[in-house]
């Protein structure tokens, strides 16, 4: 199968994906034809000792066979040799994933997630809300965009996947008179957002925006390449696109994939896709009508976790 990030045919698959409980709670994973099932809780790497095998054989001779019901075990993940991205082999549509995002980080979302992931209770109030995360991310974006100020046209802006608006940087308020947010969730604008300049919309217009931001979205979607193609159509010719993603794909994970090591599995949660430093530049290089202008990455303290964040600025050329 071709890579859903850069379109390359240089891909490999391995059964290393494992659906986390919250994903299975909210998404219909039965659609995944690559899913594997098992009656055991793990793969047996070594044979049991001779006495144990003998006892099991005697048990099978004198008693009815005990067969556990099969349970979801693994699904196939795909690794791209060109852009390095690792993604699920099955492509979930936007509608498939709405179960995760329609009430994203709301009270109902947190309740359901904690019900199957009790450890999330300690993080729920911090994720996307910690002051370190808001200040750190917005400051980093401001610095990056100000460095590229000469490239910016006038016009209006859209934040693709902008949730409640708290991650609109001050640069955007200074540069644009009107800012729109297009998002899958029903989250209202946060009280800290300037509602006189920011508005949530249900449907964006084609070729209407001179600047589009898409921050921490591509790792959540079934087809990043298709989303970028759709977002490109919203820009006017010469318009700019800013992409921000976590760079979570490590060299050791890629090496394990190359060596066909399947344990431990990669958890499939909200972050379905894993990227490294070359992934997004490769995406832009293979996307029609887009050219990469600038890129950088840095480690940010988000208050509840620290992570490597990649930032990319591209221009629509056609």
Protein backbone atom coordinates (compact mmCIF):
# COMPACT_ATOMS: atom_id res chain seq x y z
CA UNK A 1 0.00 0.00 0.00
CA UNK A 2 1.12 3.56 -0.60
CA UNK A 3 2.08 5.83 2.28
CA UNK A 4 -0.79 8.08 3.39
CA UNK A 5 1.66 10.82 4.34
CA UNK A 6 3.86 11.18 1.24
CA UNK A 7 2.37 8.73 -1.28
CA UNK A 8 5.51 6.58 -1.54
CA UNK A 9 5.19 2.90 -2.46
CA UNK A 10 8.25 2.08 -0.35
CA UNK A 11 6.25 0.74 2.59
CA UNK A 12 6.37 -2.29 4.88
CA UNK A 13 3.87 -3.71 7.34
CA UNK A 14 4.13 -5.54 10.65
CA UNK A 15 1.50 -6.60 13.25
CA UNK A 16 2.80 -4.19 15.90
CA UNK A 17 -0.26 -2.00 16.49
CA UNK A 18 -2.43 -2.36 19.58
CA UNK A 19 -5.68 -0.47 20.03
CA UNK A 20 -5.82 1.23 23.41
CA UNK A 21 -9.00 0.83 25.45
CA UNK A 22 -10.27 4.39 24.94
CA UNK A 23 -9.86 4.13 21.17
CA UNK A 24 -11.82 0.86 21.15
CA UNK A 25 -14.48 2.43 23.37
CA UNK A 26 -15.15 5.27 20.96
CA UNK A 27 -14.18 3.99 17.51
CA UNK A 28 -15.59 0.97 15.65
CA UNK A 29 -12.39 -1.02 15.20
CA UNK A 30 -14.29 -3.97 13.72
CA UNK A 31 -13.92 -2.21 10.34
CA UNK A 32 -10.18 -2.88 10.43
CA UNK A 33 -9.64 -5.89 8.16
CA UNK A 34 -5.98 -6.03 9.23
CA UNK A 35 -6.86 -6.73 12.85
CA UNK A 36 -5.63 -9.95 14.45
CA UNK A 37 -7.28 -11.86 17.29
CA UNK A 38 -5.90 -14.20 19.94
CA UNK A 39 -7.04 -16.46 22.77
CA UNK A 40 -3.80 -15.98 24.66
CA UNK A 41 -2.79 -12.75 26.37
CA UNK A 42 0.67 -12.71 24.79
CA UNK A 43 2.82 -14.42 22.21
CA UNK A 44 4.69 -17.42 23.60
CA UNK A 45 8.32 -16.93 22.62
CA UNK A 46 9.76 -20.00 24.38
CA UNK A 47 8.27 -23.46 24.71
CA UNK A 48 7.04 -24.52 28.12
CA UNK A 49 9.16 -27.07 30.00
CA UNK A 50 8.65 -30.78 29.30
CA UNK A 51 6.78 -31.47 32.60
CA UNK A 52 4.40 -28.58 31.94
CA UNK A 53 3.73 -29.74 28.40
CA UNK A 54 3.09 -33.29 29.68
CA UNK A 55 0.54 -32.04 32.23
CA UNK A 56 -1.23 -30.01 29.58
CA UNK A 57 -1.41 -33.05 27.32
CA UNK A 58 -2.91 -35.20 30.11
CA UNK A 59 -5.44 -32.46 30.82
CA UNK A 60 -6.52 -32.40 27.18
CA UNK A 61 -6.91 -36.23 27.22
CA UNK A 62 -9.23 -36.40 30.25
CA UNK A 63 -11.14 -33.15 30.06
CA UNK A 64 -13.05 -31.14 27.50
CA UNK A 65 -10.96 -28.56 25.68
CA UNK A 66 -11.06 -25.12 27.27
CA UNK A 67 -11.05 -22.49 24.60
CA UNK A 68 -10.97 -18.84 25.54
CA UNK A 69 -12.98 -16.44 23.43
CA UNK A 70 -10.80 -14.61 20.92
CA UNK A 71 -10.05 -10.99 21.76
CA UNK A 72 -8.52 -8.19 19.69
CA UNK A 73 -4.79 -8.68 19.81
CA UNK A 74 -2.91 -6.66 17.20
CA UNK A 75 -3.34 -4.79 13.96
CA UNK A 76 -0.89 -4.08 11.18
CA UNK A 77 1.11 -0.85 11.10
CA UNK A 78 2.80 0.55 8.02
CA UNK A 79 6.25 2.12 7.90
CA UNK A 80 7.36 4.34 5.01
CA UNK A 81 10.93 4.11 3.77
CA UNK A 82 10.73 7.60 2.24
CA UNK A 83 9.18 9.85 4.91
CA UNK A 84 9.66 7.44 7.87
CA UNK A 85 6.05 7.82 9.06
CA UNK A 86 4.48 4.89 10.88
CA UNK A 87 0.70 4.72 10.49
CA UNK A 88 -2.05 2.11 10.97
CA UNK A 89 -2.51 0.01 7.84
CA UNK A 90 -6.26 0.56 8.05
CA UNK A 91 -7.41 4.04 7.05
CA UNK A 92 -10.06 5.49 9.37
CA UNK A 93 -12.28 8.15 7.85
CA UNK A 94 -13.13 11.51 9.42
CA UNK A 95 -16.58 10.16 10.37
CA UNK A 96 -15.03 7.02 11.90
CA UNK A 97 -12.98 9.17 14.27
CA UNK A 98 -15.69 11.62 15.29
CA UNK A 99 -16.37 9.43 18.31
CA UNK A 100 -13.02 10.59 19.66
CA UNK A 101 -13.30 14.28 18.90
CA UNK A 102 -16.89 15.53 18.98
CA UNK A 103 -16.55 16.35 22.71
CA UNK A 104 -12.76 16.55 22.82
CA UNK A 105 -11.39 17.19 26.33
CA UNK A 106 -14.84 18.04 27.68
CA UNK A 107 -16.31 16.62 30.89
CA UNK A 108 -17.86 13.65 29.03
CA UNK A 109 -14.62 12.97 27.17
CA UNK A 110 -12.59 12.96 30.40
CA UNK A 111 -15.16 10.78 32.17
CA UNK A 112 -15.14 8.12 29.44
CA UNK A 113 -11.38 8.12 29.12
CA UNK A 114 -10.80 7.82 32.86
CA UNK A 115 -13.30 4.92 33.00
CA UNK A 116 -10.94 2.77 30.90
CA UNK A 117 -7.69 4.63 31.62
CA UNK A 118 -7.70 5.53 35.35
CA UNK A 119 -4.22 7.08 35.21
CA UNK A 120 -5.61 9.83 32.96
CA UNK A 121 -7.39 11.31 35.97
CA UNK A 122 -4.11 12.93 37.04
CA UNK A 123 -3.60 14.52 33.63
CA UNK A 124 -7.12 15.44 32.51
CA UNK A 125 -7.09 18.97 33.92
CA UNK A 126 -3.63 19.70 32.45
CA UNK A 127 -3.75 18.35 28.89
CA UNK A 128 -4.29 21.29 26.55
CA UNK A 129 -4.86 23.59 29.52
CA UNK A 130 -1.62 23.80 31.47
CA UNK A 131 -0.21 27.32 31.39
CA UNK A 132 3.23 25.98 30.43
CA UNK A 133 1.70 24.36 27.37
CA UNK A 134 -0.31 27.40 26.29
CA UNK A 135 2.47 29.91 26.91
CA UNK A 136 5.27 27.72 25.59
CA UNK A 137 3.55 26.67 22.38
CA UNK A 138 2.22 30.13 21.56
CA UNK A 139 5.57 31.82 22.26
CA UNK A 140 7.41 29.32 20.06
CA UNK A 141 4.94 29.87 17.20
CA UNK A 142 5.21 33.66 17.56
CA UNK A 143 8.99 33.51 17.32
CA UNK A 144 8.88 31.21 14.29
CA UNK A 145 6.28 33.24 12.38
CA UNK A 146 7.87 36.61 13.19
CA UNK A 147 11.11 35.24 11.74
CA UNK A 148 9.18 34.79 8.47
CA UNK A 149 7.18 38.02 8.62
CA UNK A 150 8.26 39.20 5.15
CA UNK A 151 6.47 36.23 3.55
CA UNK A 152 3.06 37.07 4.98
CA UNK A 153 0.26 38.51 2.83
CA UNK A 154 -2.70 40.42 4.21
CA UNK A 155 -6.18 38.89 4.40
CA UNK A 156 -7.99 36.52 6.73
CA UNK A 157 -6.83 33.46 8.63
CA UNK A 158 -8.29 30.04 9.46
CA UNK A 159 -7.15 27.70 12.23
CA UNK A 160 -7.87 24.16 10.98
CA UNK A 161 -8.55 22.07 14.10
CA UNK A 162 -8.24 25.02 16.49
CA UNK A 163 -10.62 23.74 19.22
CA UNK A 164 -11.45 26.56 21.67
CA UNK A 165 -8.94 29.06 20.27
CA UNK A 166 -6.40 29.15 23.08
CA UNK A 167 -3.56 28.25 20.73
CA UNK A 168 -4.00 31.17 18.36
CA UNK A 169 -0.67 33.03 18.74
CA UNK A 170 -0.47 36.79 19.31
CA UNK A 171 1.20 37.07 15.87
CA UNK A 172 -2.12 36.12 14.27
CA UNK A 173 -4.07 38.75 16.23
CA UNK A 174 -1.60 41.41 15.10
CA UNK A 175 -1.44 40.31 11.46
CA UNK A 176 -5.08 39.52 10.65
CA UNK A 177 -8.32 41.38 11.23
CA UNK A 178 -10.43 38.24 11.19
CA UNK A 179 -9.64 34.70 12.37
CA UNK A 180 -11.86 31.65 11.82
CA UNK A 181 -11.68 28.27 13.54
CA UNK A 182 -12.78 25.08 11.81
CA UNK A 183 -12.86 22.17 14.26
CA UNK A 184 -14.46 18.76 14.73
CA UNK A 185 -15.32 19.38 18.37
CA UNK A 186 -18.23 21.37 19.76
CA UNK A 187 -15.97 23.26 22.19
CA UNK A 188 -17.02 26.91 22.55
CA UNK A 189 -14.45 29.69 22.37
CA UNK A 190 -12.45 29.96 25.59
CA UNK A 191 -13.09 33.07 27.66
CA UNK A 192 -9.51 34.21 27.05
CA UNK A 193 -10.08 34.37 23.26
CA UNK A 194 -10.87 37.72 21.65
CA UNK A 195 -14.36 36.97 20.32
CA UNK A 196 -14.46 40.24 18.38
CA UNK A 197 -11.78 38.82 16.04
CA UNK A 198 -12.27 35.03 16.31
CA UNK A 199 -15.25 32.97 15.15
CA UNK A 200 -15.90 29.23 14.87
CA UNK A 201 -17.39 28.13 11.55
CA UNK A 202 -19.03 24.91 10.39
CA UNK A 203 -17.81 25.05 6.79
CA UNK A 204 -14.72 26.82 5.42
CA UNK A 205 -14.68 28.43 1.97
CA UNK A 206 -12.39 27.42 -0.87
CA UNK A 207 -9.55 29.82 -1.78
CA UNK A 208 -10.65 32.31 0.88
CA UNK A 209 -7.78 32.46 3.37
CA UNK A 210 -4.30 33.94 3.17
CA UNK A 211 -3.02 32.00 6.19
CA UNK A 212 -3.96 28.56 7.53
CA UNK A 213 -2.68 26.95 10.71
CA UNK A 214 -3.00 23.22 11.39
CA UNK A 215 -1.47 22.49 14.77
CA UNK A 216 -1.33 19.02 16.35
CA UNK A 217 -3.87 17.59 13.92
CA UNK A 218 -1.99 15.39 11.42
CA UNK A 219 -1.03 12.83 14.06
CA UNK A 220 -4.76 12.30 14.75
CA UNK A 221 -6.16 11.66 11.24
CA UNK A 222 -6.51 8.62 9.00
CA UNK A 223 -5.00 10.26 5.92
CA UNK A 224 -2.62 13.20 6.56
CA UNK A 225 -1.87 13.62 2.84
CA UNK A 226 -5.57 13.99 2.00
CA UNK A 227 -6.08 16.50 4.81
CA UNK A 228 -3.20 18.66 3.54
CA UNK A 229 -4.63 18.52 0.01
CA UNK A 230 -8.00 19.67 1.38
CA UNK A 231 -6.41 22.43 3.46
CA UNK A 232 -4.41 23.65 0.46
CA UNK A 233 -7.65 24.28 -1.43
CA UNK A 234 -8.74 26.71 1.28
CA UNK A 235 -5.74 28.99 0.66
CA UNK A 236 -5.55 31.74 -1.90
CA UNK A 237 -2.62 31.40 -4.35
CA UNK A 238 0.42 32.63 -2.44
CA UNK A 239 -1.27 31.90 0.89
CA UNK A 240 0.75 30.38 3.71
CA UNK A 241 0.22 27.16 5.68
CA UNK A 242 1.70 26.56 9.13
CA UNK A 243 1.92 22.95 10.34
CA UNK A 244 2.89 21.89 13.86
CA UNK A 245 3.22 18.27 14.98
CA UNK A 246 4.83 16.28 17.79
CA UNK A 247 7.89 14.37 16.59
CA UNK A 248 7.35 11.13 18.50
CA UNK A 249 8.97 8.61 16.16
CA UNK A 250 12.32 7.56 17.59
CA UNK A 251 15.25 5.95 15.80
CA UNK A 252 14.93 2.88 18.02
CA UNK A 253 11.31 2.36 16.93
CA UNK A 254 12.32 2.54 13.28
CA UNK A 255 15.19 0.14 13.89
CA UNK A 256 12.84 -2.33 15.58
CA UNK A 257 10.56 -2.14 12.55
CA UNK A 258 13.48 -2.77 10.19
CA UNK A 259 14.48 -5.81 12.27
CA UNK A 260 10.86 -7.06 12.33
CA UNK A 261 10.68 -6.91 16.12
CA UNK A 262 7.01 -6.96 17.11
CA UNK A 263 7.21 -6.56 20.91
CA UNK A 264 6.36 -4.35 22.63
CA UNK A 265 3.48 -3.15 20.42
CA UNK A 266 2.79 0.46 19.46
CA UNK A 267 -0.34 1.76 21.15
CA UNK A 268 -2.96 3.31 18.85
CA UNK A 269 -4.67 6.10 20.71
CA UNK A 270 -5.49 9.64 19.58
CA UNK A 271 -2.01 9.87 18.08
CA UNK A 272 -2.47 7.30 15.34
CA UNK A 273 0.51 8.43 13.29
CA UNK A 274 4.15 8.82 14.31
CA UNK A 275 6.49 11.30 12.61
CA UNK A 276 10.14 12.28 12.80
CA UNK A 277 12.10 15.27 11.49
CA UNK A 278 11.92 14.34 7.79
CA UNK A 279 8.24 13.33 7.63
CA UNK A 280 6.52 16.68 7.12
CA UNK A 281 9.16 18.11 4.74
CA UNK A 282 8.68 14.96 2.66
CA UNK A 283 4.90 15.48 2.76
CA UNK A 284 5.30 19.03 1.42
CA UNK A 285 7.79 17.90 -1.23
CA UNK A 286 5.22 15.47 -2.65
CA UNK A 287 2.18 17.77 -2.27
CA UNK A 288 1.17 19.62 -5.46
CA UNK A 289 1.13 23.42 -5.21
CA UNK A 290 3.03 23.62 -1.92
CA UNK A 291 6.61 24.66 -1.27
CA UNK A 292 8.35 24.55 2.11
CA UNK A 293 9.66 27.94 3.24
CA UNK A 294 11.06 27.26 6.70
CA UNK A 295 11.20 24.61 9.40
CA UNK A 296 12.49 24.14 12.94
CA UNK A 297 12.01 21.89 15.94
CA UNK A 298 12.56 22.22 19.69
CA UNK A 299 11.78 20.47 22.93
CA UNK A 300 8.96 22.12 24.88
CA UNK A 301 7.90 21.64 28.50
CA UNK A 302 4.12 21.35 28.33
CA UNK A 303 3.70 21.19 32.09
CA UNK A 304 2.47 17.61 32.09
CA UNK A 305 5.04 16.25 29.62
CA UNK A 306 8.02 17.43 27.57
CA UNK A 307 8.17 16.69 23.88
CA UNK A 308 9.92 17.45 20.60
CA UNK A 309 7.75 19.72 18.44
CA UNK A 310 8.22 20.33 14.72
CA UNK A 311 7.16 23.61 13.01
CA UNK A 312 6.81 24.07 9.25
CA UNK A 313 5.79 26.96 7.00
CA UNK A 314 4.80 26.40 3.36
CA UNK A 315 3.35 28.52 0.56
CA UNK A 316 0.63 27.65 -1.95
CA UNK A 317 2.18 28.08 -5.36
CA UNK A 318 -0.63 27.16 -7.75
